[in-house]
Amino acid sequence: MLGGTEFVGRAVTEDAQARGWQVTVFHRGHHAPPPGVTALTGDRTADGGLAALAGGSWDLVVDTWSGAPSAVRDAARLLSGRAGHYTYVSSRSVYAYPAPAGLAEDGPLVEGASPDAGGDVSYALAKRGGELAALRAFGDDRVLLGRAGLIIGPGENIGRLPWWLGRIARGGPVIAPGPRDAGLQYIDARDLASWLLDAAHGLHGPYNLVSHPGHTTMGELLDTCVRVTGSDAELRWTDPATLLAAGVEPWSDLPVWLPAGELYDSLHQGDVTRAHAAGLRCRPVGETVADTWTWLAGRGCDAPQRPDRPRIGLDPRLEEKLLEG
């Protein structure tokens, strides 16, 4: 496991351990890996940073890297002769924007992504470059490309569901972005991990890994947050036009939410026929929200934050203004 100490990587590691697999975690040492793994330390972006991987062999490599594609290139090259299969956790962001509703794995991809790119590149280009790097080193028949959509669940270090849970737990009137019945498409990190490990030894190529469109709705998600937190929060459902006119940024100010349009179609309306036919199962939203709240409350409602991602959530002053209006 390249990574393996936080969120998706940790979910993969813990799932593999639960299967009785022997797991090696290669990480930078910033966070403690799960107990019971073989831990190797190194910084894959530094000269000589992969030295700890110079020996050994593995049946499967899982890589969640989302930075410069050259880091995937270097790791995959080093491991290609000593590992049987490479699973790269990619993203549906690799599809050329706008990705229309119902887009499947054969849709057009972003251009210009290079597996040799280093430094700062956009998220979409980084993920596509990572795909190409893995394919170049391992070949088409030994690489599984897991193109995940919105990922939530216990351990989330991006801040989307934790922000909603924290805000609703504080109670009082809460701006809720309409419409209530807007369908959402996402995946619990644990369901993602389980499918990746089930699929790794028999499948290859790209798979869109997310729930069916409308697996839940914005209304059900936020109502569930109210219920599991035991809060007295009052959801004030607000028309998207009002929010946009006030300068509210979809996805970042109000996480998960997108108004109807191209971005909504791209992120909440993707085709997932292939992955679900191959066994992907997504648990009910109530289970994801409840388990995330249990984890978050156990941390004193202090969610971890990836240093390479901006903090998200609605400015309290703007929310107050909207509530008054």
C-alpha atoms as a PDB file:
ATOM      1  CA  MET A   1       0.000   0.000   0.000  1.00  0.00           C
ATOM      2  CA  LEU A   2       1.524   3.295  -1.126  1.00  0.00           C
ATOM      3  CA  GLY A   3       0.131   5.569   1.551  1.00  0.00           C
ATOM      4  CA  GLY A   4      -2.184   3.655   3.833  1.00  0.00           C
ATOM      5  CA  THR A   5      -2.332   5.870   6.904  1.00  0.00           C
ATOM      6  CA  GLU A   6      -5.261   8.193   6.138  1.00  0.00           C
ATOM      7  CA  PHE A   7      -8.794   8.024   4.707  1.00  0.00           C
ATOM      8  CA  VAL A   8      -8.962   5.903   1.514  1.00  0.00           C
ATOM      9  CA  GLY A   9      -5.502   4.423   1.919  1.00  0.00           C
ATOM     10  CA  ARG A  10      -6.195   3.486   5.510  1.00  0.00           C
ATOM     11  CA  ALA A  11      -9.571   1.995   4.563  1.00  0.00           C
ATOM     12  CA  VAL A  12      -7.822  -0.189   1.978  1.00  0.00           C
ATOM     13  CA  THR A  13      -5.151  -1.238   4.477  1.00  0.00           C
ATOM     14  CA  GLU A  14      -7.641  -2.112   7.200  1.00  0.00           C
ATOM     15  CA  ASP A  15      -9.859  -4.049   4.782  1.00  0.00           C
ATOM     16  CA  ALA A  16      -6.874  -6.053   3.538  1.00  0.00           C
ATOM     17  CA  GLN A  17      -5.857  -6.832   7.111  1.00  0.00           C
ATOM     18  CA  ALA A  18      -9.395  -7.962   7.918  1.00  0.00           C
ATOM     19  CA  ARG A  19      -9.045 -10.494   5.071  1.00  0.00           C
ATOM     20  CA  GLY A  20      -5.944 -11.889   6.679  1.00  0.00           C
ATOM     21  CA  TRP A  21      -3.613 -10.466   4.026  1.00  0.00           C
ATOM     22  CA  GLN A  22      -0.056  -9.476   4.821  1.00  0.00           C
ATOM     23  CA  VAL A  23       0.188  -5.743   4.224  1.00  0.00           C
ATOM     24  CA  THR A  24       3.200  -3.513   3.681  1.00  0.00           C
ATOM     25  CA  VAL A  25       2.596   0.221   4.032  1.00  0.00           C
ATOM     26  CA  PHE A  26       4.998   2.679   2.412  1.00  0.00           C
ATOM     27  CA  HIS A  27       4.440   6.166   3.823  1.00  0.00           C
ATOM     28  CA  ARG A  28       6.162   9.400   4.752  1.00  0.00           C
ATOM     29  CA  GLY A  29       5.892   8.892   8.500  1.00  0.00           C
ATOM     30  CA  HIS A  30       3.523  11.778   9.173  1.00  0.00           C
ATOM     31  CA  HIS A  31       0.810   9.500  10.588  1.00  0.00           C
ATOM     32  CA  ALA A  32       0.956   6.157  12.341  1.00  0.00           C
ATOM     33  CA  PRO A  33      -0.034   3.220  10.122  1.00  0.00           C
ATOM     34  CA  PRO A  34      -2.564   0.643  11.341  1.00  0.00           C
ATOM     35  CA  PRO A  35      -1.114  -1.837  13.842  1.00  0.00           C
ATOM     36  CA  GLY A  36       0.117  -5.094  12.382  1.00  0.00           C
ATOM     37  CA  VAL A  37       1.409  -3.871   9.032  1.00  0.00           C
ATOM     38  CA  THR A  38       4.996  -3.887   7.823  1.00  0.00           C
ATOM     39  CA  ALA A  39       5.849  -0.195   7.697  1.00  0.00           C
ATOM     40  CA  LEU A  40       8.380   1.257   5.255  1.00  0.00           C
ATOM     41  CA  THR A  41       9.157   4.964   5.333  1.00  0.00           C
ATOM     42  CA  GLY A  42      10.150   7.284   2.516  1.00  0.00           C
ATOM     43  CA  ASP A  43       9.163  10.395   0.605  1.00  0.00           C
ATOM     44  CA  ARG A  44       8.423   9.471  -3.000  1.00  0.00           C
ATOM     45  CA  THR A  45       8.922  13.082  -4.122  1.00  0.00           C
ATOM     46  CA  ALA A  46      12.513  13.275  -2.831  1.00  0.00           C
ATOM     47  CA  ASP A  47      15.724  12.041  -4.420  1.00  0.00           C
ATOM     48  CA  GLY A  48      16.258   8.514  -3.177  1.00  0.00           C
ATOM     49  CA  GLY A  49      12.882   8.600  -1.460  1.00  0.00           C
ATOM     50  CA  LEU A  50      11.873   5.152  -2.737  1.00  0.00           C
ATOM     51  CA  ALA A  51      14.921   3.397  -1.316  1.00  0.00           C
ATOM     52  CA  ALA A  52      12.823   1.439   1.190  1.00  0.00           C
ATOM     53  CA  LEU A  53      11.060  -0.242  -1.761  1.00  0.00           C
ATOM     54  CA  ALA A  54      14.268  -1.438  -3.409  1.00  0.00           C
ATOM     55  CA  GLY A  55      13.723  -5.007  -2.238  1.00  0.00           C
ATOM     56  CA  GLY A  56      10.747  -7.294  -1.741  1.00  0.00           C
ATOM     57  CA  SER A  57       7.870  -8.522  -3.882  1.00  0.00           C
ATOM     58  CA  TRP A  58       4.110  -8.187  -3.650  1.00  0.00           C
ATOM     59  CA  ASP A  59       1.002  -9.610  -5.288  1.00  0.00           C
ATOM     60  CA  LEU A  60      -0.730  -6.240  -5.396  1.00  0.00           C
ATOM     61  CA  VAL A  61       0.153  -2.559  -5.164  1.00  0.00           C
ATOM     62  CA  VAL A  62      -2.546   0.009  -4.346  1.00  0.00           C
ATOM     63  CA  ASP A  63      -1.677   3.650  -4.964  1.00  0.00           C
ATOM     64  CA  THR A  64      -3.847   6.655  -4.019  1.00  0.00           C
ATOM     65  CA  TRP A  65      -1.372   9.376  -5.082  1.00  0.00           C
ATOM     66  CA  SER A  66      -2.959  12.609  -6.342  1.00  0.00           C
ATOM     67  CA  GLY A  67       0.057  14.854  -6.844  1.00  0.00           C
ATOM     68  CA  ALA A  68       2.655  15.029  -9.604  1.00  0.00           C
ATOM     69  CA  PRO A  69       2.314  12.033 -11.962  1.00  0.00           C
ATOM     70  CA  SER A  70       6.085  11.541 -11.953  1.00  0.00           C
ATOM     71  CA  ALA A  71       5.753  10.082  -8.437  1.00  0.00           C
ATOM     72  CA  VAL A  72       3.470   7.347  -9.799  1.00  0.00           C
ATOM     73  CA  ARG A  73       5.849   6.847 -12.710  1.00  0.00           C
ATOM     74  CA  ASP A  74       8.839   6.298 -10.447  1.00  0.00           C
ATOM     75  CA  ALA A  75       7.088   3.958  -8.021  1.00  0.00           C
ATOM     76  CA  ALA A  76       5.455   1.916 -10.773  1.00  0.00           C
ATOM     77  CA  ARG A  77       8.728   1.544 -12.676  1.00  0.00           C
ATOM     78  CA  LEU A  78      10.492   0.382  -9.542  1.00  0.00           C
ATOM     79  CA  LEU A  79       7.816  -2.184  -8.675  1.00  0.00           C
ATOM     80  CA  SER A  80       6.772  -3.438 -12.131  1.00  0.00           C
ATOM     81  CA  GLY A  81       9.050  -6.495 -12.039  1.00  0.00           C
ATOM     82  CA  ARG A  82       8.283  -7.357  -8.418  1.00  0.00           C
ATOM     83  CA  ALA A  83       4.531  -6.862  -8.138  1.00  0.00           C
ATOM     84  CA  GLY A  84       1.767  -8.726  -9.881  1.00  0.00           C
ATOM     85  CA  HIS A  85      -0.853  -6.022 -10.233  1.00  0.00           C
ATOM     86  CA  TYR A  86      -1.178  -2.248  -9.796  1.00  0.00           C
ATOM     87  CA  THR A  87      -4.392  -0.608  -8.643  1.00  0.00           C
ATOM     88  CA  TYR A  88      -4.410   3.148  -9.051  1.00  0.00           C
ATOM     89  CA  VAL A  89      -7.125   5.118  -7.274  1.00  0.00           C
ATOM     90  CA  SER A  90      -7.919   7.715  -9.897  1.00  0.00           C
ATOM     91  CA  SER A  91     -10.865  10.077 -10.276  1.00  0.00           C
ATOM     92  CA  ARG A  92     -13.804  10.823 -12.522  1.00  0.00           C
ATOM     93  CA  SER A  93     -12.138  14.219 -12.925  1.00  0.00           C
ATOM     94  CA  VAL A  94     -10.042  12.654 -15.701  1.00  0.00           C
ATOM     95  CA  TYR A  95     -12.987  13.026 -18.096  1.00  0.00           C
ATOM     96  CA  ALA A  96     -12.956  16.090 -20.314  1.00  0.00           C
ATOM     97  CA  TYR A  97     -15.211  18.781 -18.879  1.00  0.00           C
ATOM     98  CA  PRO A  98     -18.110  19.007 -19.133  1.00  0.00           C
ATOM     99  CA  ALA A  99     -18.792  15.306 -18.701  1.00  0.00           C
ATOM    100  CA  PRO A 100     -22.429  14.845 -19.725  1.00  0.00           C
ATOM    101  CA  ALA A 101     -24.900  12.909 -17.607  1.00  0.00           C
ATOM    102  CA  GLY A 102     -24.592   9.192 -18.197  1.00  0.00           C
ATOM    103  CA  LEU A 103     -20.948   9.281 -19.278  1.00  0.00           C
ATOM    104  CA  ALA A 104     -19.297   5.863 -19.104  1.00  0.00           C
ATOM    105  CA  GLU A 105     -15.647   4.811 -18.970  1.00  0.00           C
ATOM    106  CA  ASP A 106     -15.169   5.258 -22.713  1.00  0.00           C
ATOM    107  CA  GLY A 107     -15.873   9.004 -22.522  1.00  0.00           C
ATOM    108  CA  PRO A 108     -13.317  11.587 -23.719  1.00  0.00           C
ATOM    109  CA  LEU A 109     -10.457  12.270 -21.317  1.00  0.00           C
ATOM    110  CA  VAL A 110      -8.477  15.381 -20.416  1.00  0.00           C
ATOM    111  CA  GLU A 111      -5.689  16.219 -22.817  1.00  0.00           C
ATOM    112  CA  GLY A 112      -2.134  17.135 -21.984  1.00  0.00           C
ATOM    113  CA  ALA A 113      -1.687  14.853 -18.973  1.00  0.00           C
ATOM    114  CA  SER A 114       1.858  13.537 -18.933  1.00  0.00           C
ATOM    115  CA  PRO A 115       3.130  10.704 -16.737  1.00  0.00           C
ATOM    116  CA  ASP A 116       6.413  12.608 -16.569  1.00  0.00           C
ATOM    117  CA  ALA A 117       4.894  15.802 -15.179  1.00  0.00           C
ATOM    118  CA  GLY A 118       6.292  17.085 -11.926  1.00  0.00           C
ATOM    119  CA  GLY A 119       5.529  20.099  -9.796  1.00  0.00           C
ATOM    120  CA  ASP A 120       2.130  21.753  -9.737  1.00  0.00           C
ATOM    121  CA  VAL A 121      -0.434  20.332 -12.147  1.00  0.00           C
ATOM    122  CA  SER A 122      -4.210  20.428 -11.931  1.00  0.00           C
ATOM    123  CA  TYR A 123      -5.976  17.609 -10.118  1.00  0.00           C
ATOM    124  CA  ALA A 124      -7.488  16.249 -13.341  1.00  0.00           C
ATOM    125  CA  LEU A 125      -4.165  16.241 -15.169  1.00  0.00           C
ATOM    126  CA  ALA A 126      -2.387  14.727 -12.179  1.00  0.00           C
ATOM    127  CA  LYS A 127      -4.823  11.839 -11.970  1.00  0.00           C
ATOM    128  CA  ARG A 128      -4.774  11.158 -15.709  1.00  0.00           C
ATOM    129  CA  GLY A 129      -0.999  11.380 -15.706  1.00  0.00           C
ATOM    130  CA  GLY A 130      -0.951   8.875 -12.849  1.00  0.00           C
ATOM    131  CA  GLU A 131      -3.134   6.509 -14.867  1.00  0.00           C
ATOM    132  CA  LEU A 132      -0.787   6.737 -17.844  1.00  0.00           C
ATOM    133  CA  ALA A 133       2.265   6.200 -15.643  1.00  0.00           C
ATOM    134  CA  ALA A 134       0.808   3.035 -14.139  1.00  0.00           C
ATOM    135  CA  LEU A 135      -0.213   1.710 -17.546  1.00  0.00           C
ATOM    136  CA  ARG A 136       3.185   2.446 -19.035  1.00  0.00           C
ATOM    137  CA  ALA A 137       4.989   0.509 -16.301  1.00  0.00           C
ATOM    138  CA  PHE A 138       2.641  -2.447 -15.772  1.00  0.00           C
ATOM    139  CA  GLY A 139       0.752  -2.746 -19.069  1.00  0.00           C
ATOM    140  CA  ASP A 140      -2.964  -2.677 -19.726  1.00  0.00           C
ATOM    141  CA  ASP A 141      -3.696  -6.148 -18.367  1.00  0.00           C
ATOM    142  CA  ARG A 142      -2.077  -5.562 -14.952  1.00  0.00           C
ATOM    143  CA  VAL A 143      -3.559  -2.170 -14.042  1.00  0.00           C
ATOM    144  CA  LEU A 144      -6.932  -1.412 -12.485  1.00  0.00           C
ATOM    145  CA  LEU A 145      -7.965   2.244 -12.693  1.00  0.00           C
ATOM    146  CA  GLY A 146     -10.508   3.080 -10.015  1.00  0.00           C
ATOM    147  CA  ARG A 147     -12.109   6.344 -11.119  1.00  0.00           C
ATOM    148  CA  ALA A 148     -13.769   7.348  -7.882  1.00  0.00           C
ATOM    149  CA  GLY A 149     -16.331  10.093  -7.554  1.00  0.00           C
ATOM    150  CA  LEU A 150     -17.161  11.964  -4.335  1.00  0.00           C
ATOM    151  CA  ILE A 151     -15.705   9.967  -1.426  1.00  0.00           C
ATOM    152  CA  ILE A 152     -17.051  10.332   2.113  1.00  0.00           C
ATOM    153  CA  GLY A 153     -17.099   8.247   5.272  1.00  0.00           C
ATOM    154  CA  PRO A 154     -15.167   7.776   8.515  1.00  0.00           C
ATOM    155  CA  GLY A 155     -11.645   9.157   8.347  1.00  0.00           C
ATOM    156  CA  GLU A 156     -12.472  11.833   5.785  1.00  0.00           C
ATOM    157  CA  ASN A 157      -9.714  14.432   5.688  1.00  0.00           C
ATOM    158  CA  ILE A 158     -11.207  16.686   2.998  1.00  0.00           C
ATOM    159  CA  GLY A 159     -13.922  18.159   5.214  1.00  0.00           C
ATOM    160  CA  ARG A 160     -17.166  17.669   3.295  1.00  0.00           C
ATOM    161  CA  LEU A 161     -19.345  15.427   5.440  1.00  0.00           C
ATOM    162  CA  PRO A 162     -17.444  16.400   8.628  1.00  0.00           C
ATOM    163  CA  TRP A 163     -18.286  20.047   7.950  1.00  0.00           C
ATOM    164  CA  TRP A 164     -21.992  19.329   7.622  1.00  0.00           C
ATOM    165  CA  LEU A 165     -21.985  17.184  10.754  1.00  0.00           C
ATOM    166  CA  GLY A 166     -20.104  19.805  12.734  1.00  0.00           C
ATOM    167  CA  ARG A 167     -22.314  22.657  11.566  1.00  0.00           C
ATOM    168  CA  ILE A 168     -25.547  20.792  12.204  1.00  0.00           C
ATOM    169  CA  ALA A 169     -24.339  19.582  15.597  1.00  0.00           C
ATOM    170  CA  ARG A 170     -24.013  23.225  16.683  1.00  0.00           C
ATOM    171  CA  GLY A 171     -27.748  23.573  16.136  1.00  0.00           C
ATOM    172  CA  GLY A 172     -29.969  26.523  15.340  1.00  0.00           C
ATOM    173  CA  PRO A 173     -31.074  27.601  11.864  1.00  0.00           C
ATOM    174  CA  VAL A 174     -28.879  26.084   9.152  1.00  0.00           C
ATOM    175  CA  ILE A 175     -28.805  27.112   5.500  1.00  0.00           C
ATOM    176  CA  ALA A 176     -29.633  24.020   3.454  1.00  0.00           C
ATOM    177  CA  PRO A 177     -29.153  24.221  -0.315  1.00  0.00           C
ATOM    178  CA  GLY A 178     -32.174  23.204  -2.354  1.00  0.00           C
ATOM    179  CA  PRO A 179     -33.785  21.410  -3.845  1.00  0.00           C
ATOM    180  CA  ARG A 180     -34.273  18.776  -1.147  1.00  0.00           C
ATOM    181  CA  ASP A 181     -34.817  16.038  -3.709  1.00  0.00           C
ATOM    182  CA  ALA A 182     -31.591  16.668  -5.658  1.00  0.00           C
ATOM    183  CA  GLY A 183     -29.997  13.256  -6.170  1.00  0.00           C
ATOM    184  CA  LEU A 184     -26.428  12.657  -4.994  1.00  0.00           C
ATOM    185  CA  GLN A 185     -23.789  10.246  -6.216  1.00  0.00           C
ATOM    186  CA  TYR A 186     -20.919   9.302  -3.914  1.00  0.00           C
ATOM    187  CA  ILE A 187     -19.071   6.346  -2.395  1.00  0.00           C
ATOM    188  CA  ASP A 188     -18.189   5.427   1.170  1.00  0.00           C
ATOM    189  CA  ALA A 189     -14.399   4.973   1.421  1.00  0.00           C
ATOM    190  CA  ARG A 190     -14.947   1.529   2.937  1.00  0.00           C
ATOM    191  CA  ASP A 191     -17.070   0.384   0.001  1.00  0.00           C
ATOM    192  CA  LEU A 192     -14.447   1.736  -2.364  1.00  0.00           C
ATOM    193  CA  ALA A 193     -11.710  -0.159  -0.522  1.00  0.00           C
ATOM    194  CA  SER A 194     -13.663  -3.396  -0.462  1.00  0.00           C
ATOM    195  CA  TRP A 195     -14.388  -3.329  -4.180  1.00  0.00           C
ATOM    196  CA  LEU A 196     -10.810  -2.438  -5.097  1.00  0.00           C
ATOM    197  CA  LEU A 197      -9.474  -5.440  -3.206  1.00  0.00           C
ATOM    198  CA  ASP A 198     -12.161  -7.788  -4.535  1.00  0.00           C
ATOM    199  CA  ALA A 199     -11.462  -6.679  -8.100  1.00  0.00           C
ATOM    200  CA  ALA A 200      -7.700  -6.357  -8.091  1.00  0.00           C
ATOM    201  CA  HIS A 201      -6.800  -9.924  -9.009  1.00  0.00           C
ATOM    202  CA  GLY A 202      -9.298 -10.386 -11.813  1.00  0.00           C
ATOM    203  CA  LEU A 203     -10.116  -7.017 -13.353  1.00  0.00           C
ATOM    204  CA  HIS A 204      -8.177  -4.387 -15.222  1.00  0.00           C
ATOM    205  CA  GLY A 205      -8.898  -1.124 -17.015  1.00  0.00           C
ATOM    206  CA  PRO A 206     -11.042   1.819 -15.887  1.00  0.00           C
ATOM    207  CA  TYR A 207     -14.106   1.655 -13.650  1.00  0.00           C
ATOM    208  CA  ASN A 208     -16.281   4.523 -12.444  1.00  0.00           C
ATOM    209  CA  LEU A 209     -16.511   3.869  -8.702  1.00  0.00           C
ATOM    210  CA  VAL A 210     -19.430   5.650  -7.144  1.00  0.00           C
ATOM    211  CA  SER A 211     -23.037   4.900  -6.202  1.00  0.00           C
ATOM    212  CA  HIS A 212     -25.901   4.889  -8.634  1.00  0.00           C
ATOM    213  CA  PRO A 213     -27.196   8.434  -9.320  1.00  0.00           C
ATOM    214  CA  GLY A 214     -29.741   9.327  -6.662  1.00  0.00           C
ATOM    215  CA  HIS A 215     -28.398   6.808  -4.134  1.00  0.00           C
ATOM    216  CA  THR A 216     -29.472   9.486  -1.681  1.00  0.00           C
ATOM    217  CA  THR A 217     -30.698  13.084  -1.883  1.00  0.00           C
ATOM    218  CA  MET A 218     -29.483  16.328  -0.382  1.00  0.00           C
ATOM    219  CA  GLY A 219     -32.533  16.247   1.861  1.00  0.00           C
ATOM    220  CA  GLU A 220     -31.921  12.729   3.127  1.00  0.00           C
ATOM    221  CA  LEU A 221     -28.242  13.456   3.721  1.00  0.00           C
ATOM    222  CA  LEU A 222     -28.877  16.553   5.844  1.00  0.00           C
ATOM    223  CA  ASP A 223     -31.914  15.103   7.630  1.00  0.00           C
ATOM    224  CA  THR A 224     -29.714  12.173   8.605  1.00  0.00           C
ATOM    225  CA  CYS A 225     -27.053  14.549   9.922  1.00  0.00           C
ATOM    226  CA  VAL A 226     -29.696  16.149  12.152  1.00  0.00           C
ATOM    227  CA  ARG A 227     -30.877  12.766  13.396  1.00  0.00           C
ATOM    228  CA  VAL A 228     -27.504  11.184  14.183  1.00  0.00           C
ATOM    229  CA  THR A 229     -26.133  14.273  15.944  1.00  0.00           C
ATOM    230  CA  GLY A 230     -29.279  14.679  18.060  1.00  0.00           C
ATOM    231  CA  SER A 231     -29.187  18.355  17.199  1.00  0.00           C
ATOM    232  CA  ASP A 232     -31.964  20.933  17.415  1.00  0.00           C
ATOM    233  CA  ALA A 233     -30.826  22.270  14.034  1.00  0.00           C
ATOM    234  CA  GLU A 234     -33.539  23.681  11.791  1.00  0.00           C
ATOM    235  CA  LEU A 235     -32.752  23.201   8.129  1.00  0.00           C
ATOM    236  CA  ARG A 236     -33.695  26.322   6.167  1.00  0.00           C
ATOM    237  CA  TRP A 237     -34.028  25.113   2.583  1.00  0.00           C
ATOM    238  CA  THR A 238     -32.909  27.857   0.228  1.00  0.00           C
ATOM    239  CA  ASP A 239     -33.348  28.243  -3.511  1.00  0.00           C
ATOM    240  CA  PRO A 240     -30.111  27.787  -5.480  1.00  0.00           C
ATOM    241  CA  ALA A 241     -30.620  31.116  -7.262  1.00  0.00           C
ATOM    242  CA  THR A 242     -30.660  32.919  -3.899  1.00  0.00           C
ATOM    243  CA  LEU A 243     -27.462  31.210  -2.804  1.00  0.00           C
ATOM    244  CA  LEU A 244     -25.630  31.911  -6.034  1.00  0.00           C
ATOM    245  CA  ALA A 245     -26.725  35.557  -6.048  1.00  0.00           C
ATOM    246  CA  ALA A 246     -25.282  35.918  -2.546  1.00  0.00           C
ATOM    247  CA  GLY A 247     -21.913  34.614  -3.707  1.00  0.00           C
ATOM    248  CA  VAL A 248     -22.132  31.141  -2.206  1.00  0.00           C
ATOM    249  CA  GLU A 249     -19.711  28.759  -3.944  1.00  0.00           C
ATOM    250  CA  PRO A 250     -21.209  25.337  -4.642  1.00  0.00           C
ATOM    251  CA  TRP A 251     -19.127  22.354  -3.515  1.00  0.00           C
ATOM    252  CA  SER A 252     -16.710  24.453  -1.438  1.00  0.00           C
ATOM    253  CA  ASP A 253     -18.925  26.747   0.677  1.00  0.00           C
ATOM    254  CA  LEU A 254     -21.712  24.176   0.918  1.00  0.00           C
ATOM    255  CA  PRO A 255     -19.965  20.806   0.473  1.00  0.00           C
ATOM    256  CA  VAL A 256     -21.470  18.062  -1.714  1.00  0.00           C
ATOM    257  CA  TRP A 257     -24.108  20.457  -3.113  1.00  0.00           C
ATOM    258  CA  LEU A 258     -24.182  21.490  -6.746  1.00  0.00           C
ATOM    259  CA  PRO A 259     -27.003  23.346  -8.510  1.00  0.00           C
ATOM    260  CA  ALA A 260     -28.436  21.867 -11.677  1.00  0.00           C
ATOM    261  CA  GLY A 261     -26.094  22.265 -14.629  1.00  0.00           C
ATOM    262  CA  GLU A 262     -22.933  20.910 -16.204  1.00  0.00           C
ATOM    263  CA  LEU A 263     -21.000  20.359 -12.987  1.00  0.00           C
ATOM    264  CA  TYR A 264     -23.934  18.597 -11.342  1.00  0.00           C
ATOM    265  CA  ASP A 265     -24.244  16.287 -14.348  1.00  0.00           C
ATOM    266  CA  SER A 266     -20.509  15.608 -14.271  1.00  0.00           C
ATOM    267  CA  LEU A 267     -20.312  14.733 -10.578  1.00  0.00           C
ATOM    268  CA  HIS A 268     -23.725  13.341  -9.674  1.00  0.00           C
ATOM    269  CA  GLN A 269     -24.978  11.711 -12.881  1.00  0.00           C
ATOM    270  CA  GLY A 270     -22.189   9.403 -14.061  1.00  0.00           C
ATOM    271  CA  ASP A 271     -22.728   5.947 -15.532  1.00  0.00           C
ATOM    272  CA  VAL A 272     -21.654   3.210 -13.106  1.00  0.00           C
ATOM    273  CA  THR A 273     -23.069   0.171 -14.867  1.00  0.00           C
ATOM    274  CA  ARG A 274     -19.693  -1.496 -15.316  1.00  0.00           C
ATOM    275  CA  ALA A 275     -18.578  -1.323 -11.686  1.00  0.00           C
ATOM    276  CA  HIS A 276     -21.921  -2.400 -10.242  1.00  0.00           C
ATOM    277  CA  ALA A 277     -22.078  -5.325 -12.658  1.00  0.00           C
ATOM    278  CA  ALA A 278     -18.650  -6.264 -11.282  1.00  0.00           C
ATOM    279  CA  GLY A 279     -19.907  -6.334  -7.708  1.00  0.00           C
ATOM    280  CA  LEU A 280     -19.758  -2.771  -6.378  1.00  0.00           C
ATOM    281  CA  ARG A 281     -22.207  -2.313  -3.524  1.00  0.00           C
ATOM    282  CA  CYS A 282     -22.810   0.962  -1.689  1.00  0.00           C
ATOM    283  CA  ARG A 283     -24.163   0.994   1.837  1.00  0.00           C
ATOM    284  CA  PRO A 284     -27.130   3.186   2.857  1.00  0.00           C
ATOM    285  CA  VAL A 285     -26.406   6.837   3.531  1.00  0.00           C
ATOM    286  CA  GLY A 286     -27.649   6.438   7.105  1.00  0.00           C
ATOM    287  CA  GLU A 287     -24.838   4.024   7.879  1.00  0.00           C
ATOM    288  CA  THR A 288     -22.179   6.255   6.345  1.00  0.00           C
ATOM    289  CA  VAL A 289     -23.391   9.361   8.181  1.00  0.00           C
ATOM    290  CA  ALA A 290     -23.816   7.595  11.539  1.00  0.00           C
ATOM    291  CA  ASP A 291     -20.387   5.964  11.392  1.00  0.00           C
ATOM    292  CA  THR A 292     -18.753   9.222  10.342  1.00  0.00           C
ATOM    293  CA  TRP A 293     -20.388  11.017  13.252  1.00  0.00           C
ATOM    294  CA  THR A 294     -19.231   8.331  15.710  1.00  0.00           C
ATOM    295  CA  TRP A 295     -15.676   8.698  14.415  1.00  0.00           C
ATOM    296  CA  LEU A 296     -15.816  12.507  14.380  1.00  0.00           C
ATOM    297  CA  ALA A 297     -17.379  12.815  17.841  1.00  0.00           C
ATOM    298  CA  GLY A 298     -14.666  10.509  19.163  1.00  0.00           C
ATOM    299  CA  ARG A 299     -12.140  13.107  17.982  1.00  0.00           C
ATOM    300  CA  GLY A 300     -13.931  15.939  19.735  1.00  0.00           C
ATOM    301  CA  CYS A 301     -15.415  16.993  16.367  1.00  0.00           C
ATOM    302  CA  ASP A 302     -11.934  17.935  15.185  1.00  0.00           C
ATOM    303  CA  ALA A 303     -11.648  16.484  11.685  1.00  0.00           C
ATOM    304  CA  PRO A 304      -8.206  15.943  10.143  1.00  0.00           C
ATOM    305  CA  GLN A 305      -7.341  18.202   7.229  1.00  0.00           C
ATOM    306  CA  ARG A 306      -5.141  17.357   4.275  1.00  0.00           C
ATOM    307  CA  PRO A 307      -2.525  20.105   3.958  1.00  0.00           C
ATOM    308  CA  ASP A 308      -2.823  20.126   0.155  1.00  0.00           C
ATOM    309  CA  ARG A 309      -6.560  20.850   0.196  1.00  0.00           C
ATOM    310  CA  PRO A 310      -8.221  24.144   1.188  1.00  0.00           C
ATOM    311  CA  ARG A 311     -10.584  24.259   4.134  1.00  0.00           C
ATOM    312  CA  ILE A 312     -14.190  24.316   3.060  1.00  0.00           C
ATOM    313  CA  GLY A 313     -17.491  25.417   4.525  1.00  0.00           C
ATOM    314  CA  LEU A 314     -19.779  28.433   4.558  1.00  0.00           C
ATOM    315  CA  ASP A 315     -18.525  31.592   6.250  1.00  0.00           C
ATOM    316  CA  PRO A 316     -20.715  32.081   9.367  1.00  0.00           C
ATOM    317  CA  ARG A 317     -21.142  35.762   8.502  1.00  0.00           C
ATOM    318  CA  LEU A 318     -22.552  34.901   5.085  1.00  0.00           C
ATOM    319  CA  GLU A 319     -24.813  32.276   6.565  1.00  0.00           C
ATOM    320  CA  GLU A 320     -26.118  34.781   9.088  1.00  0.00           C
ATOM    321  CA  LYS A 321     -26.812  37.246   6.325  1.00  0.00           C
ATOM    322  CA  LEU A 322     -28.703  34.630   4.321  1.00  0.00           C
ATOM    323  CA  LEU A 323     -30.733  33.610   7.358  1.00  0.00           C
ATOM    324  CA  GLU A 324     -31.697  37.204   8.010  1.00  0.00           C
ATOM    325  CA  GLY A 325     -32.658  37.786   4.386  1.00  0.00           C
END
